[in-house]
Amino acid sequence: MFFLCAIITGIVKALSQTPEEQKEFLENYRMEKKQRKESKRLYRSIESQAIAKYPGRANYRKRKAYIDKHL
């Protein structure tokens, strides 16, 4: 039921926006999506460096500390 209300609210909101507001909303959405993608890429890069520096299962805490330090 909640999801149905959320969908209907989203449709009503989209229809009530002007074309400029819709364009701005889409630009913001795309920018946020791009930032999330870049953030994931950075995290994976740092994670792979940590794995290379501290291989093996026993070094999980060291890898976690390395990742936290470099983010």
PDB file of N, CA and C in Angstrom:
ATOM      1  N   MET A   1       0.825  -1.199   0.000  1.00  0.00           N
ATOM      2  CA  MET A   1       0.000   0.000   0.000  1.00  0.00           C
ATOM      3  C   MET A   1       0.867   1.260   0.000  1.00  0.00           C
ATOM      4  N   PHE A   2       1.919   1.226   0.825  1.00  0.00           N
ATOM      5  CA  PHE A   2       2.804   2.391   0.907  1.00  0.00           C
ATOM      6  C   PHE A   2       3.438   2.692  -0.444  1.00  0.00           C
ATOM      7  N   PHE A   3       3.887   1.616  -1.131  1.00  0.00           N
ATOM      8  CA  PHE A   3       4.553   1.809  -2.409  1.00  0.00           C
ATOM      9  C   PHE A   3       3.604   2.371  -3.453  1.00  0.00           C
ATOM     10  N   LEU A   4       2.374   1.949  -3.409  1.00  0.00           N
ATOM     11  CA  LEU A   4       1.372   2.466  -4.339  1.00  0.00           C
ATOM     12  C   LEU A   4       1.162   3.962  -4.113  1.00  0.00           C
ATOM     13  N   CYS A   5       1.073   4.376  -2.864  1.00  0.00           N
ATOM     14  CA  CYS A   5       0.918   5.798  -2.535  1.00  0.00           C
ATOM     15  C   CYS A   5       2.148   6.590  -2.978  1.00  0.00           C
ATOM     16  N   ALA A   6       3.330   6.015  -2.785  1.00  0.00           N
ATOM     17  CA  ALA A   6       4.566   6.696  -3.174  1.00  0.00           C
ATOM     18  C   ALA A   6       4.632   6.872  -4.694  1.00  0.00           C
ATOM     19  N   ILE A   7       4.218   5.861  -5.431  1.00  0.00           N
ATOM     20  CA  ILE A   7       4.215   5.948  -6.895  1.00  0.00           C
ATOM     21  C   ILE A   7       3.239   7.007  -7.370  1.00  0.00           C
ATOM     22  N   ILE A   8       2.050   7.004  -6.810  1.00  0.00           N
ATOM     23  CA  ILE A   8       1.034   7.990  -7.194  1.00  0.00           C
ATOM     24  C   ILE A   8       1.505   9.400  -6.855  1.00  0.00           C
ATOM     25  N   THR A   9       2.096   9.572  -5.677  1.00  0.00           N
ATOM     26  CA  THR A   9       2.618  10.881  -5.276  1.00  0.00           C
ATOM     27  C   THR A   9       3.707  11.338  -6.239  1.00  0.00           C
ATOM     28  N   GLY A  10       4.593  10.425  -6.643  1.00  0.00           N
ATOM     29  CA  GLY A  10       5.657  10.762  -7.592  1.00  0.00           C
ATOM     30  C   GLY A  10       5.112  11.184  -8.936  1.00  0.00           C
ATOM     31  N   ILE A  11       4.074  10.489  -9.408  1.00  0.00           N
ATOM     32  CA  ILE A  11       3.464  10.838 -10.696  1.00  0.00           C
ATOM     33  C   ILE A  11       2.811  12.210 -10.626  1.00  0.00           C
ATOM     34  N   VAL A  12       2.088  12.470  -9.550  1.00  0.00           N
ATOM     35  CA  VAL A  12       1.427  13.779  -9.388  1.00  0.00           C
ATOM     36  C   VAL A  12       2.466  14.890  -9.312  1.00  0.00           C
ATOM     37  N   LYS A  13       3.546  14.644  -8.578  1.00  0.00           N
ATOM     38  CA  LYS A  13       4.607  15.646  -8.461  1.00  0.00           C
ATOM     39  C   LYS A  13       5.251  15.911  -9.814  1.00  0.00           C
ATOM     40  N   ALA A  14       5.502  14.855 -10.585  1.00  0.00           N
ATOM     41  CA  ALA A  14       6.118  15.005 -11.904  1.00  0.00           C
ATOM     42  C   ALA A  14       5.212  15.797 -12.851  1.00  0.00           C
ATOM     43  N   LEU A  15       3.917  15.555 -12.767  1.00  0.00           N
ATOM     44  CA  LEU A  15       2.991  16.270 -13.643  1.00  0.00           C
ATOM     45  C   LEU A  15       2.825  17.729 -13.245  1.00  0.00           C
ATOM     46  N   SER A  16       3.043  18.038 -11.969  1.00  0.00           N
ATOM     47  CA  SER A  16       2.852  19.416 -11.516  1.00  0.00           C
ATOM     48  C   SER A  16       4.098  20.281 -11.733  1.00  0.00           C
ATOM     49  N   GLN A  17       5.216  19.676 -12.114  1.00  0.00           N
ATOM     50  CA  GLN A  17       6.441  20.454 -12.335  1.00  0.00           C
ATOM     51  C   GLN A  17       6.427  21.097 -13.713  1.00  0.00           C
ATOM     52  N   THR A  18       7.080  22.252 -13.781  1.00  0.00           N
ATOM     53  CA  THR A  18       7.256  22.909 -15.077  1.00  0.00           C
ATOM     54  C   THR A  18       8.384  22.201 -15.819  1.00  0.00           C
ATOM     55  N   PRO A  19       8.492  22.411 -17.117  1.00  0.00           N
ATOM     56  CA  PRO A  19       9.579  21.774 -17.873  1.00  0.00           C
ATOM     57  C   PRO A  19      10.975  22.134 -17.342  1.00  0.00           C
ATOM     58  N   GLU A  20      11.138  23.363 -16.877  1.00  0.00           N
ATOM     59  CA  GLU A  20      12.433  23.776 -16.322  1.00  0.00           C
ATOM     60  C   GLU A  20      12.746  23.007 -15.039  1.00  0.00           C
ATOM     61  N   GLU A  21      11.727  22.834 -14.194  1.00  0.00           N
ATOM     62  CA  GLU A  21      11.919  22.084 -12.946  1.00  0.00           C
ATOM     63  C   GLU A  21      12.228  20.624 -13.237  1.00  0.00           C
ATOM     64  N   GLN A  22      11.562  20.064 -14.246  1.00  0.00           N
ATOM     65  CA  GLN A  22      11.829  18.670 -14.613  1.00  0.00           C
ATOM     66  C   GLN A  22      13.257  18.519 -15.121  1.00  0.00           C
ATOM     67  N   LYS A  23      13.700  19.475 -15.929  1.00  0.00           N
ATOM     68  CA  LYS A  23      15.061  19.445 -16.470  1.00  0.00           C
ATOM     69  C   LYS A  23      16.079  19.547 -15.333  1.00  0.00           C
ATOM     70  N   GLU A  24      15.840  20.446 -14.392  1.00  0.00           N
ATOM     71  CA  GLU A  24      16.738  20.611 -13.251  1.00  0.00           C
ATOM     72  C   GLU A  24      16.766  19.349 -12.388  1.00  0.00           C
ATOM     73  N   PHE A  25      15.603  18.740 -12.179  1.00  0.00           N
ATOM     74  CA  PHE A  25      15.524  17.502 -11.400  1.00  0.00           C
ATOM     75  C   PHE A  25      16.341  16.395 -12.062  1.00  0.00           C
ATOM     76  N   LEU A  26      16.199  16.260 -13.385  1.00  0.00           N
ATOM     77  CA  LEU A  26      16.948  15.232 -14.105  1.00  0.00           C
ATOM     78  C   LEU A  26      18.455  15.491 -14.063  1.00  0.00           C
ATOM     79  N   GLU A  27      18.852  16.758 -14.178  1.00  0.00           N
ATOM     80  CA  GLU A  27      20.282  17.089 -14.107  1.00  0.00           C
ATOM     81  C   GLU A  27      20.844  16.741 -12.731  1.00  0.00           C
ATOM     82  N   ASN A  28      20.093  17.073 -11.686  1.00  0.00           N
ATOM     83  CA  ASN A  28      20.544  16.748 -10.328  1.00  0.00           C
ATOM     84  C   ASN A  28      20.634  15.238 -10.129  1.00  0.00           C
ATOM     85  N   TYR A  29      19.655  14.511 -10.647  1.00  0.00           N
ATOM     86  CA  TYR A  29      19.652  13.057 -10.524  1.00  0.00           C
ATOM     87  C   TYR A  29      20.864  12.453 -11.234  1.00  0.00           C
ATOM     88  N   ARG A  30      21.131  12.930 -12.441  1.00  0.00           N
ATOM     89  CA  ARG A  30      22.283  12.414 -13.201  1.00  0.00           C
ATOM     90  C   ARG A  30      23.596  12.742 -12.505  1.00  0.00           C
ATOM     91  N   MET A  31      23.690  13.932 -11.934  1.00  0.00           N
ATOM     92  CA  MET A  31      24.916  14.333 -11.238  1.00  0.00           C
ATOM     93  C   MET A  31      25.129  13.466  -9.998  1.00  0.00           C
ATOM     94  N   GLU A  32      24.059  13.221  -9.240  1.00  0.00           N
ATOM     95  CA  GLU A  32      24.169  12.365  -8.053  1.00  0.00           C
ATOM     96  C   GLU A  32      24.566  10.942  -8.448  1.00  0.00           C
ATOM     97  N   LYS A  33      23.995  10.447  -9.526  1.00  0.00           N
ATOM     98  CA  LYS A  33      24.313   9.102 -10.006  1.00  0.00           C
ATOM     99  C   LYS A  33      25.785   9.025 -10.416  1.00  0.00           C
ATOM    100  N   LYS A  34      26.256  10.049 -11.086  1.00  0.00           N
ATOM    101  CA  LYS A  34      27.661  10.095 -11.511  1.00  0.00           C
ATOM    102  C   LYS A  34      28.593  10.147 -10.299  1.00  0.00           C
ATOM    103  N   GLN A  35      28.209  10.921  -9.276  1.00  0.00           N
ATOM    104  CA  GLN A  35      29.023  11.014  -8.064  1.00  0.00           C
ATOM    105  C   GLN A  35      29.057   9.682  -7.326  1.00  0.00           C
ATOM    106  N   ARG A  36      27.934   8.971  -7.255  1.00  0.00           N
ATOM    107  CA  ARG A  36      27.908   7.649  -6.615  1.00  0.00           C
ATOM    108  C   ARG A  36      28.811   6.673  -7.351  1.00  0.00           C
ATOM    109  N   LYS A  37      28.773   6.721  -8.675  1.00  0.00           N
ATOM    110  CA  LYS A  37      29.602   5.839  -9.490  1.00  0.00           C
ATOM    111  C   LYS A  37      31.083   6.140  -9.256  1.00  0.00           C
ATOM    112  N   GLU A  38      31.433   7.404  -9.231  1.00  0.00           N
ATOM    113  CA  GLU A  38      32.823   7.801  -8.993  1.00  0.00           C
ATOM    114  C   GLU A  38      33.269   7.408  -7.587  1.00  0.00           C
ATOM    115  N   SER A  39      32.385   7.533  -6.623  1.00  0.00           N
ATOM    116  CA  SER A  39      32.697   7.147  -5.250  1.00  0.00           C
ATOM    117  C   SER A  39      32.956   5.647  -5.158  1.00  0.00           C
ATOM    118  N   LYS A  40      32.131   4.860  -5.831  1.00  0.00           N
ATOM    119  CA  LYS A  40      32.341   3.409  -5.839  1.00  0.00           C
ATOM    120  C   LYS A  40      33.663   3.058  -6.494  1.00  0.00           C
ATOM    121  N   ARG A  41      33.997   3.743  -7.583  1.00  0.00           N
ATOM    122  CA  ARG A  41      35.255   3.490  -8.276  1.00  0.00           C
ATOM    123  C   ARG A  41      36.447   3.807  -7.379  1.00  0.00           C
ATOM    124  N   LEU A  42      36.370   4.922  -6.668  1.00  0.00           N
ATOM    125  CA  LEU A  42      37.442   5.306  -5.749  1.00  0.00           C
ATOM    126  C   LEU A  42      37.584   4.278  -4.640  1.00  0.00           C
ATOM    127  N   TYR A  43      36.459   3.834  -4.084  1.00  0.00           N
ATOM    128  CA  TYR A  43      36.500   2.841  -3.003  1.00  0.00           C
ATOM    129  C   TYR A  43      37.128   1.542  -3.496  1.00  0.00           C
ATOM    130  N   ARG A  44      36.738   1.095  -4.679  1.00  0.00           N
ATOM    131  CA  ARG A  44      37.306  -0.154  -5.225  1.00  0.00           C
ATOM    132  C   ARG A  44      38.805  -0.012  -5.453  1.00  0.00           C
ATOM    133  N   SER A  45      39.231   1.143  -5.915  1.00  0.00           N
ATOM    134  CA  SER A  45      40.658   1.372  -6.143  1.00  0.00           C
ATOM    135  C   SER A  45      41.432   1.293  -4.828  1.00  0.00           C
ATOM    136  N   ILE A  46      40.932   1.966  -3.813  1.00  0.00           N
ATOM    137  CA  ILE A  46      41.591   1.951  -2.503  1.00  0.00           C
ATOM    138  C   ILE A  46      41.540   0.546  -1.907  1.00  0.00           C
ATOM    139  N   GLU A  47      40.427  -0.136  -2.096  1.00  0.00           N
ATOM    140  CA  GLU A  47      40.293  -1.490  -1.577  1.00  0.00           C
ATOM    141  C   GLU A  47      41.306  -2.434  -2.237  1.00  0.00           C
ATOM    142  N   SER A  48      41.498  -2.305  -3.542  1.00  0.00           N
ATOM    143  CA  SER A  48      42.455  -3.174  -4.222  1.00  0.00           C
ATOM    144  C   SER A  48      43.883  -2.866  -3.770  1.00  0.00           C
ATOM    145  N   GLN A  49      44.173  -1.595  -3.480  1.00  0.00           N
ATOM    146  CA  GLN A  49      45.498  -1.239  -2.949  1.00  0.00           C
ATOM    147  C   GLN A  49      45.693  -1.860  -1.575  1.00  0.00           C
ATOM    148  N   ALA A  50      44.642  -1.838  -0.759  1.00  0.00           N
ATOM    149  CA  ALA A  50      44.724  -2.415   0.583  1.00  0.00           C
ATOM    150  C   ALA A  50      44.929  -3.924   0.511  1.00  0.00           C
ATOM    151  N   ILE A  51      44.244  -4.582  -0.408  1.00  0.00           N
ATOM    152  CA  ILE A  51      44.395  -6.029  -0.565  1.00  0.00           C
ATOM    153  C   ILE A  51      45.807  -6.364  -1.021  1.00  0.00           C
ATOM    154  N   ALA A  52      46.353  -5.554  -1.927  1.00  0.00           N
ATOM    155  CA  ALA A  52      47.719  -5.791  -2.391  1.00  0.00           C
ATOM    156  C   ALA A  52      48.729  -5.588  -1.265  1.00  0.00           C
ATOM    157  N   LYS A  53      48.471  -4.593  -0.419  1.00  0.00           N
ATOM    158  CA  LYS A  53      49.406  -4.293   0.666  1.00  0.00           C
ATOM    159  C   LYS A  53      49.270  -5.282   1.825  1.00  0.00           C
ATOM    160  N   TYR A  54      48.036  -5.696   2.133  1.00  0.00           N
ATOM    161  CA  TYR A  54      47.768  -6.615   3.248  1.00  0.00           C
ATOM    162  C   TYR A  54      46.996  -7.837   2.741  1.00  0.00           C
ATOM    163  N   PRO A  55      47.660  -8.773   2.073  1.00  0.00           N
ATOM    164  CA  PRO A  55      46.948  -9.954   1.558  1.00  0.00           C
ATOM    165  C   PRO A  55      46.598 -10.937   2.670  1.00  0.00           C
ATOM    166  N   GLY A  56      45.654 -11.805   2.372  1.00  0.00           N
ATOM    167  CA  GLY A  56      45.284 -12.863   3.312  1.00  0.00           C
ATOM    168  C   GLY A  56      44.109 -12.489   4.189  1.00  0.00           C
ATOM    169  N   ARG A  57      43.487 -13.524   4.757  1.00  0.00           N
ATOM    170  CA  ARG A  57      42.301 -13.304   5.594  1.00  0.00           C
ATOM    171  C   ARG A  57      42.642 -12.687   6.940  1.00  0.00           C
ATOM    172  N   ALA A  58      43.818 -12.956   7.453  1.00  0.00           N
ATOM    173  CA  ALA A  58      44.181 -12.504   8.798  1.00  0.00           C
ATOM    174  C   ALA A  58      44.373 -10.992   8.875  1.00  0.00           C
ATOM    175  N   ASN A  59      44.504 -10.332   7.753  1.00  0.00           N
ATOM    176  CA  ASN A  59      44.784  -8.892   7.733  1.00  0.00           C
ATOM    177  C   ASN A  59      43.548  -8.036   7.461  1.00  0.00           C
ATOM    178  N   TYR A  60      42.369  -8.553   7.752  1.00  0.00           N
ATOM    179  CA  TYR A  60      41.133  -7.804   7.475  1.00  0.00           C
ATOM    180  C   TYR A  60      41.117  -6.460   8.189  1.00  0.00           C
ATOM    181  N   ARG A  61      41.481  -6.447   9.454  1.00  0.00           N
ATOM    182  CA  ARG A  61      41.437  -5.196  10.231  1.00  0.00           C
ATOM    183  C   ARG A  61      42.430  -4.175   9.686  1.00  0.00           C
ATOM    184  N   LYS A  62      43.601  -4.646   9.267  1.00  0.00           N
ATOM    185  CA  LYS A  62      44.593  -3.733   8.690  1.00  0.00           C
ATOM    186  C   LYS A  62      44.076  -3.143   7.379  1.00  0.00           C
ATOM    187  N   ARG A  63      43.448  -3.994   6.560  1.00  0.00           N
ATOM    188  CA  ARG A  63      42.889  -3.487   5.306  1.00  0.00           C
ATOM    189  C   ARG A  63      41.795  -2.474   5.575  1.00  0.00           C
ATOM    190  N   LYS A  64      40.927  -2.774   6.537  1.00  0.00           N
ATOM    191  CA  LYS A  64      39.826  -1.855   6.882  1.00  0.00           C
ATOM    192  C   LYS A  64      40.376  -0.519   7.355  1.00  0.00           C
ATOM    193  N   ALA A  65      41.412  -0.554   8.188  1.00  0.00           N
ATOM    194  CA  ALA A  65      42.037   0.679   8.678  1.00  0.00           C
ATOM    195  C   ALA A  65      42.667   1.454   7.523  1.00  0.00           C
ATOM    196  N   TYR A  66      43.302   0.753   6.588  1.00  0.00           N
ATOM    197  CA  TYR A  66      43.917   1.388   5.436  1.00  0.00           C
ATOM    198  C   TYR A  66      42.861   2.086   4.574  1.00  0.00           C
ATOM    199  N   ILE A  67      41.752   1.399   4.334  1.00  0.00           N
ATOM    200  CA  ILE A  67      40.666   1.967   3.530  1.00  0.00           C
ATOM    201  C   ILE A  67      40.077   3.197   4.213  1.00  0.00           C
ATOM    202  N   ASP A  68      39.809   3.085   5.524  1.00  0.00           N
ATOM    203  CA  ASP A  68      39.236   4.226   6.259  1.00  0.00           C
ATOM    204  C   ASP A  68      40.177   5.426   6.248  1.00  0.00           C
ATOM    205  N   LYS A  69      41.472   5.154   6.352  1.00  0.00           N
ATOM    206  CA  LYS A  69      42.465   6.230   6.368  1.00  0.00           C
ATOM    207  C   LYS A  69      42.520   6.966   5.024  1.00  0.00           C
ATOM    208  N   HIS A  70      42.380   6.224   3.935  1.00  0.00           N
ATOM    209  CA  HIS A  70      42.542   6.825   2.617  1.00  0.00           C
ATOM    210  C   HIS A  70      41.249   7.324   1.980  1.00  0.00           C
ATOM    211  N   LEU A  71      40.128   7.140   2.624  1.00  0.00           N
ATOM    212  CA  LEU A  71      38.877   7.685   2.062  1.00  0.00           C
ATOM    213  C   LEU A  71      38.681   9.083   2.462  1.00  0.00           C
TER     214      LEU A  71
END
